[in-house]
Amino acid sequence: MGQIKTAVSLYSYQDEYVRGKMTLEDCIKELHGVQVKGVELLPDQMLHKAPFVADEDIKKWHATLGKYKIVPVCNDIFINTKLYNNRILTHDENLELLKNELRLAHKLGMCLVRLVSMTPTDIIEDALPLAEELNVAMALEVHAAMSFDIPQTKAFTDIMFKLESPYVGLVIDTGIFCRRFPRVAKEYFLQQGLTKELAEYIDKIYLEHECITSITIPETMPADLKRLIKSDLDELYVVLADGYENRPFNILDKYYPYIKHFHGKAYEMTEAGVEYSIDYKGLIDYLKHKNYDGYIATEYEGGRFALPGVNVDAVSQVRAQQKMFREYIS
């Protein structure tokens, strides 16, 4: 019988962290306080000189986890292929970057690295021997606007199916399961002068389409949508509107054996204790039916849509989502 466990990505606390309101230990302590078992880390965000972190800092990391009884679950990494302005990195350079990140994950006690959506696929097979040696799985994030039908994601899943290795899999970002367009995003743009009729149009077509990319690109944009665009801000909103998807849960059936981890997006936890855009009750029921034995990690992103004069409160949002998870899981 599978056991759904919860974690928190420390990406959620980025605003509090960068403003000095919370230290790394404060973040870990907060997880303990809300009965969270696991932690997901972005080393580039919180560990000095990552991936070449000093041994002293590694020891401090493990001591902090031990102090608050938190399990290291997933390490979010980036293969930065465009470090130079005149060329992209070579295969060997990208491979070395990935190997360095695998070594850091191992030192941090992580058995999983999240690969960002556009990670070059030609380095995965060559990195596999080291991943096996270190016992660190490599999992591509299937993210909204970049899910299963885009060429880069399909290239990765093709290799994944070919290798059939427990060390190559997927992290599913629940932004692909938005049932409504995030209200905090709409309200933010309305405050900046977005045309109200355009916002309502996007809400309507979003509810009717799994993916609205074909509607929001100029070549295939409906004439009635074009007429609603009155400003550069309106045009930007239309471009950003395809950053979410409304997929059925059973889209995961084909890929389920390869799923290593979930990112539980939180755009807006409402006063009713539910996430405004995503049907998490339905998702948890689906995972129970599948006997999912793994983590779903809160990833709060509503802070990027904070209105002028309003402080970001990721702590309350994370707490609310974790409370919701506990209710649905139990």
Protein backbone atom coordinates (compact mmCIF):
# COMPACT_ATOMS: atom_id res chain seq x y z
CA MET A 1 0.00 0.00 0.00
CA GLY A 2 1.44 3.36 -1.01
CA GLN A 3 1.90 6.22 1.41
CA ILE A 4 1.54 9.81 0.24
CA LYS A 5 3.95 12.02 2.19
CA THR A 6 4.30 15.79 2.17
CA ALA A 7 7.28 18.06 1.75
CA VAL A 8 7.90 21.73 1.11
CA SER A 9 10.12 23.23 -1.54
CA LEU A 10 12.13 26.04 0.03
CA TYR A 11 11.51 27.89 -3.23
CA SER A 12 8.22 28.73 -1.50
CA TYR A 13 10.00 30.97 1.02
CA GLN A 14 12.14 32.85 -1.49
CA ASP A 15 10.70 36.27 -0.65
CA GLU A 16 11.14 35.86 3.11
CA TYR A 17 14.63 34.44 2.57
CA VAL A 18 15.94 37.12 0.22
CA ARG A 19 14.57 39.91 2.46
CA GLY A 20 16.29 38.43 5.51
CA LYS A 21 13.04 37.55 7.29
CA MET A 22 13.94 33.85 7.42
CA THR A 23 17.27 32.02 7.43
CA LEU A 24 17.75 28.53 6.05
CA GLU A 25 17.38 27.14 9.58
CA ASP A 26 14.22 29.19 10.08
CA CYS A 27 12.76 27.53 6.98
CA ILE A 28 13.60 24.04 8.23
CA LYS A 29 12.22 24.87 11.68
CA GLU A 30 8.97 26.05 10.07
CA LEU A 31 8.57 22.70 8.31
CA HIS A 32 8.89 20.88 11.63
CA GLY A 33 6.25 23.15 13.11
CA VAL A 34 3.68 22.24 10.44
CA GLN A 35 4.29 18.48 10.61
CA VAL A 36 6.09 18.25 7.26
CA LYS A 37 8.31 15.22 6.74
CA GLY A 38 10.43 16.27 3.78
CA VAL A 39 12.30 19.22 2.34
CA GLU A 40 13.09 20.16 -1.24
CA LEU A 41 16.01 22.51 -1.77
CA LEU A 42 17.26 24.89 -4.45
CA PRO A 43 21.00 24.94 -3.70
CA ASP A 44 21.56 27.93 -6.00
CA GLN A 45 19.17 29.87 -3.78
CA MET A 46 20.38 28.93 -0.31
CA LEU A 47 23.81 27.27 -0.38
CA HIS A 48 26.91 29.36 -0.95
CA LYS A 49 29.00 28.41 -4.00
CA ALA A 50 26.71 25.54 -5.04
CA PRO A 51 27.41 22.97 -6.39
CA PHE A 52 30.84 23.29 -4.73
CA VAL A 53 29.50 23.71 -1.21
CA ALA A 54 32.04 23.74 1.63
CA ASP A 55 32.20 20.66 3.85
CA GLU A 56 31.39 22.85 6.85
CA ASP A 57 28.14 23.97 5.25
CA ILE A 58 27.24 20.38 4.35
CA LYS A 59 27.72 19.37 7.99
CA LYS A 60 25.59 22.28 9.13
CA TRP A 61 22.84 21.23 6.69
CA HIS A 62 22.72 17.71 8.09
CA ALA A 63 22.84 18.97 11.67
CA THR A 64 19.89 21.27 11.01
CA LEU A 65 17.84 18.48 9.41
CA GLY A 66 18.63 16.21 12.35
CA LYS A 67 17.69 18.87 14.87
CA TYR A 68 14.20 19.26 13.38
CA LYS A 69 13.76 15.67 12.15
CA ILE A 70 13.31 16.61 8.48
CA VAL A 71 14.11 14.26 5.59
CA PRO A 72 16.03 15.56 2.54
CA VAL A 73 13.89 14.62 -0.46
CA CYS A 74 14.70 16.46 -3.67
CA ASN A 75 17.41 18.79 -4.97
CA ASP A 76 16.26 21.25 -7.65
CA ILE A 77 19.08 21.84 -10.13
CA PHE A 78 19.67 23.88 -13.26
CA ILE A 79 21.93 23.04 -16.18
CA ASN A 80 22.76 26.54 -17.39
CA THR A 81 23.56 25.93 -21.05
CA LYS A 82 23.96 29.64 -21.90
CA LEU A 83 26.79 30.77 -19.68
CA TYR A 84 28.44 32.60 -22.59
CA ASN A 85 27.00 35.20 -24.91
CA ASN A 86 28.51 33.73 -28.06
CA ARG A 87 27.69 30.01 -27.75
CA ILE A 88 25.82 27.35 -25.84
CA LEU A 89 27.73 24.82 -23.78
CA THR A 90 29.02 21.64 -25.37
CA HIS A 91 27.82 18.16 -24.52
CA ASP A 92 30.84 17.52 -22.31
CA GLU A 93 30.43 20.84 -20.48
CA ASN A 94 26.74 20.16 -19.80
CA LEU A 95 27.54 16.64 -18.66
CA GLU A 96 30.12 17.89 -16.19
CA LEU A 97 27.60 20.37 -14.77
CA LEU A 98 25.11 17.57 -14.23
CA LYS A 99 27.71 15.33 -12.61
CA ASN A 100 28.66 18.11 -10.20
CA GLU A 101 25.01 18.48 -9.21
CA LEU A 102 24.64 14.73 -8.68
CA ARG A 103 27.66 14.76 -6.38
CA LEU A 104 26.21 17.65 -4.37
CA ALA A 105 22.82 15.93 -4.07
CA HIS A 106 24.57 12.85 -2.70
CA LYS A 107 26.45 14.92 -0.11
CA LEU A 108 23.17 16.56 0.94
CA GLY A 109 21.52 13.18 1.44
CA MET A 110 19.18 13.59 -1.53
CA CYS A 111 18.26 10.58 -3.66
CA LEU A 112 16.61 12.71 -6.34
CA VAL A 113 17.50 15.71 -8.48
CA ARG A 114 14.85 17.71 -10.29
CA LEU A 115 15.99 18.56 -13.81
CA VAL A 116 14.54 21.79 -15.14
CA SER A 117 12.31 21.39 -18.19
CA MET A 118 14.86 22.32 -20.86
CA THR A 119 17.74 20.14 -19.61
CA PRO A 120 19.64 18.77 -22.65
CA THR A 121 18.56 15.17 -23.14
CA ASP A 122 21.81 14.04 -24.75
CA ILE A 123 23.62 14.01 -21.38
CA ILE A 124 21.20 11.76 -19.46
CA GLU A 125 22.49 8.38 -20.59
CA ASP A 126 26.11 9.42 -20.09
CA ALA A 127 25.34 10.61 -16.54
CA LEU A 128 23.50 7.41 -15.65
CA PRO A 129 26.51 5.41 -14.36
CA LEU A 130 27.35 8.13 -11.84
CA ALA A 131 23.68 8.46 -10.82
CA GLU A 132 23.59 4.70 -10.16
CA GLU A 133 26.86 4.81 -8.22
CA LEU A 134 25.62 7.67 -6.01
CA ASN A 135 22.03 6.39 -5.76
CA VAL A 136 20.61 9.68 -7.07
CA ALA A 137 17.74 9.57 -9.57
CA MET A 138 17.41 12.20 -12.31
CA ALA A 139 13.84 13.38 -12.92
CA LEU A 140 12.67 15.94 -15.48
CA GLU A 141 10.08 18.43 -14.28
CA VAL A 142 6.92 18.25 -16.39
CA HIS A 143 5.83 21.84 -16.00
CA ALA A 144 2.77 23.76 -17.12
CA ALA A 145 3.19 25.12 -20.66
CA MET A 146 5.94 22.52 -21.12
CA SER A 147 4.16 19.26 -20.47
CA PHE A 148 4.09 15.99 -22.33
CA ASP A 149 3.41 17.16 -25.88
CA ILE A 150 6.27 19.62 -26.38
CA PRO A 151 9.31 18.30 -28.30
CA GLN A 152 11.85 18.80 -25.49
CA THR A 153 9.76 16.87 -22.96
CA LYS A 154 9.00 14.10 -25.45
CA ALA A 155 12.72 13.79 -26.21
CA PHE A 156 13.34 13.14 -22.52
CA THR A 157 10.47 10.67 -22.10
CA ASP A 158 11.66 8.78 -25.20
CA ILE A 159 15.06 8.31 -23.53
CA MET A 160 13.35 7.45 -20.25
CA PHE A 161 11.28 4.70 -21.89
CA LYS A 162 14.37 3.44 -23.70
CA LEU A 163 16.56 3.23 -20.60
CA GLU A 164 13.88 1.87 -18.24
CA SER A 165 16.09 2.80 -15.31
CA PRO A 166 14.92 3.55 -11.77
CA TYR A 167 17.38 6.45 -11.93
CA VAL A 168 15.58 8.27 -14.78
CA GLY A 169 12.06 9.59 -14.24
CA LEU A 170 9.73 12.55 -13.86
CA VAL A 171 8.70 15.25 -11.40
CA ILE A 172 5.11 16.30 -12.07
CA ASP A 173 4.25 19.96 -11.52
CA THR A 174 0.57 20.27 -10.63
CA GLY A 175 0.28 23.50 -12.62
CA ILE A 176 -0.75 21.17 -15.46
CA PHE A 177 -3.96 20.46 -13.52
CA CYS A 178 -5.32 23.99 -13.13
CA ARG A 179 -9.10 23.90 -13.37
CA ARG A 180 -9.32 27.70 -13.24
CA PHE A 181 -6.93 30.44 -14.28
CA PRO A 182 -5.07 31.64 -11.14
CA ARG A 183 -7.07 34.52 -9.70
CA VAL A 184 -4.05 36.18 -8.08
CA ALA A 185 -2.43 36.52 -11.52
CA LYS A 186 -5.56 38.06 -13.01
CA GLU A 187 -6.02 40.49 -10.10
CA TYR A 188 -2.39 41.55 -10.29
CA PHE A 189 -2.67 42.47 -13.97
CA LEU A 190 -6.06 44.14 -13.51
CA GLN A 191 -4.43 46.41 -10.92
CA GLN A 192 -1.83 47.37 -13.53
CA GLY A 193 -4.50 48.31 -16.10
CA LEU A 194 -5.38 45.04 -17.85
CA THR A 195 -8.55 45.25 -19.94
CA LYS A 196 -11.28 43.58 -17.88
CA GLU A 197 -13.03 42.06 -20.89
CA LEU A 198 -9.78 40.43 -21.95
CA ALA A 199 -9.33 38.89 -18.49
CA GLU A 200 -12.86 37.50 -18.61
CA TYR A 201 -12.27 36.10 -22.10
CA ILE A 202 -9.11 34.29 -20.98
CA ASP A 203 -10.98 32.88 -17.96
CA LYS A 204 -13.71 31.54 -20.23
CA ILE A 205 -11.52 29.96 -22.88
CA TYR A 206 -9.24 28.54 -20.20
CA LEU A 207 -12.15 26.61 -18.68
CA GLU A 208 -12.96 25.20 -22.11
CA HIS A 209 -9.49 24.14 -23.25
CA GLU A 210 -6.82 21.82 -21.86
CA CYS A 211 -4.11 23.99 -23.39
CA ILE A 212 -4.67 27.41 -24.89
CA THR A 213 -1.33 27.86 -26.64
CA SER A 214 -2.93 27.73 -30.10
CA ILE A 215 -5.28 30.52 -29.06
CA THR A 216 -2.64 32.84 -27.63
CA ILE A 217 -0.05 32.80 -30.44
CA PRO A 218 -0.52 35.45 -33.15
CA GLU A 219 -0.76 33.05 -36.10
CA THR A 220 -3.79 31.19 -34.73
CA MET A 221 -5.32 33.76 -32.37
CA PRO A 222 -9.11 34.18 -32.81
CA ALA A 223 -10.21 37.52 -34.20
CA ASP A 224 -12.48 38.23 -31.22
CA LEU A 225 -9.51 37.85 -28.88
CA LYS A 226 -7.31 40.11 -31.01
CA ARG A 227 -9.94 42.84 -30.81
CA LEU A 228 -9.77 42.83 -26.99
CA ILE A 229 -6.05 43.60 -26.91
CA LYS A 230 -5.80 47.35 -26.24
CA SER A 231 -2.27 47.75 -24.83
CA ASP A 232 1.18 46.22 -24.40
CA LEU A 233 0.05 44.96 -20.99
CA ASP A 234 -2.91 43.17 -22.60
CA GLU A 235 -0.56 41.60 -25.13
CA LEU A 236 1.77 40.43 -22.35
CA TYR A 237 -1.14 38.92 -20.43
CA VAL A 238 -2.20 36.88 -23.45
CA VAL A 239 1.35 35.61 -23.90
CA LEU A 240 1.57 34.59 -20.22
CA ALA A 241 -1.88 33.00 -20.24
CA ASP A 242 -0.55 29.76 -21.70
CA GLY A 243 1.71 29.26 -18.68
CA TYR A 244 -0.92 27.00 -17.10
CA GLU A 245 -2.68 23.87 -18.32
CA ASN A 246 -5.94 22.08 -17.60
CA ARG A 247 -5.09 18.41 -18.13
CA PRO A 248 -7.05 15.38 -16.88
CA PHE A 249 -5.37 13.38 -14.14
CA ASN A 250 -5.30 10.24 -16.28
CA ILE A 251 -2.76 11.87 -18.58
CA LEU A 252 -0.30 10.47 -16.03
CA ASP A 253 -1.34 6.84 -16.58
CA LYS A 254 1.22 6.22 -19.32
CA TYR A 255 4.03 7.76 -17.29
CA TYR A 256 3.03 6.68 -13.79
CA PRO A 257 5.75 4.02 -13.24
CA TYR A 258 8.39 6.71 -13.84
CA ILE A 259 6.99 9.41 -11.53
CA LYS A 260 9.42 10.16 -8.69
CA HIS A 261 7.92 13.27 -7.09
CA PHE A 262 5.22 15.95 -7.29
CA HIS A 263 5.38 19.72 -7.01
CA GLY A 264 2.14 20.86 -5.39
CA LYS A 265 1.64 24.33 -6.80
CA ALA A 266 -0.01 26.87 -4.53
CA TYR A 267 -1.03 30.07 -6.27
CA GLU A 268 -3.75 31.06 -3.79
CA MET A 269 -5.03 29.21 -0.76
CA THR A 270 -8.52 30.53 -0.06
CA GLU A 271 -10.24 31.17 3.27
CA ALA A 272 -12.14 27.92 2.68
CA GLY A 273 -8.82 26.06 2.92
CA VAL A 274 -8.61 24.99 -0.71
CA GLU A 275 -6.35 26.03 -3.57
CA TYR A 276 -8.31 28.28 -5.92
CA SER A 277 -7.13 26.80 -9.23
CA ILE A 278 -6.30 23.13 -8.63
CA ASP A 279 -8.57 20.26 -7.60
CA TYR A 280 -6.25 18.71 -5.04
CA LYS A 281 -8.97 16.45 -3.65
CA GLY A 282 -9.27 14.88 -7.08
CA LEU A 283 -5.50 14.58 -7.46
CA ILE A 284 -5.00 12.98 -4.03
CA ASP A 285 -7.83 10.52 -4.76
CA TYR A 286 -6.15 9.64 -8.07
CA LEU A 287 -2.81 9.07 -6.31
CA LYS A 288 -4.47 6.93 -3.64
CA HIS A 289 -6.03 4.79 -6.36
CA LYS A 290 -2.58 4.41 -7.92
CA ASN A 291 -1.02 3.54 -4.52
CA TYR A 292 1.43 6.42 -4.90
CA ASP A 293 4.30 5.99 -2.47
CA GLY A 294 6.16 9.27 -2.48
CA TYR A 295 6.14 12.97 -1.74
CA ILE A 296 4.10 15.92 -2.89
CA ALA A 297 5.97 19.13 -2.09
CA THR A 298 4.30 22.50 -1.66
CA GLU A 299 5.62 25.03 -4.15
CA TYR A 300 4.12 28.43 -3.43
CA GLU A 301 4.22 30.82 -6.38
CA GLY A 302 1.55 33.34 -5.53
CA GLY A 303 4.12 35.76 -4.16
CA ARG A 304 5.12 36.85 -7.63
CA PHE A 305 1.65 38.36 -7.98
CA ALA A 306 1.66 40.34 -4.74
CA LEU A 307 -0.15 43.63 -5.24
CA PRO A 308 1.67 46.90 -4.57
CA GLY A 309 1.85 47.57 -0.84
CA VAL A 310 0.95 43.98 0.08
CA ASN A 311 3.60 41.87 1.80
CA VAL A 312 4.16 38.32 0.61
CA ASP A 313 3.07 35.80 3.25
CA ALA A 314 4.37 32.47 2.01
CA VAL A 315 4.39 31.01 5.52
CA SER A 316 0.61 31.23 5.90
CA GLN A 317 0.01 29.97 2.38
CA VAL A 318 2.27 26.95 2.87
CA ARG A 319 0.66 26.16 6.22
CA ALA A 320 -2.79 26.29 4.66
CA GLN A 321 -1.85 23.97 1.82
CA GLN A 322 -0.18 21.49 4.15
CA LYS A 323 -3.32 21.44 6.32
CA MET A 324 -5.37 20.73 3.20
CA PHE A 325 -3.00 17.92 2.17
CA ARG A 326 -3.25 16.28 5.59
CA GLU A 327 -7.05 16.33 5.43
CA TYR A 328 -7.19 14.85 1.92
CA ILE A 329 -4.53 12.23 2.55
CA SER A 330 -6.09 11.02 5.81
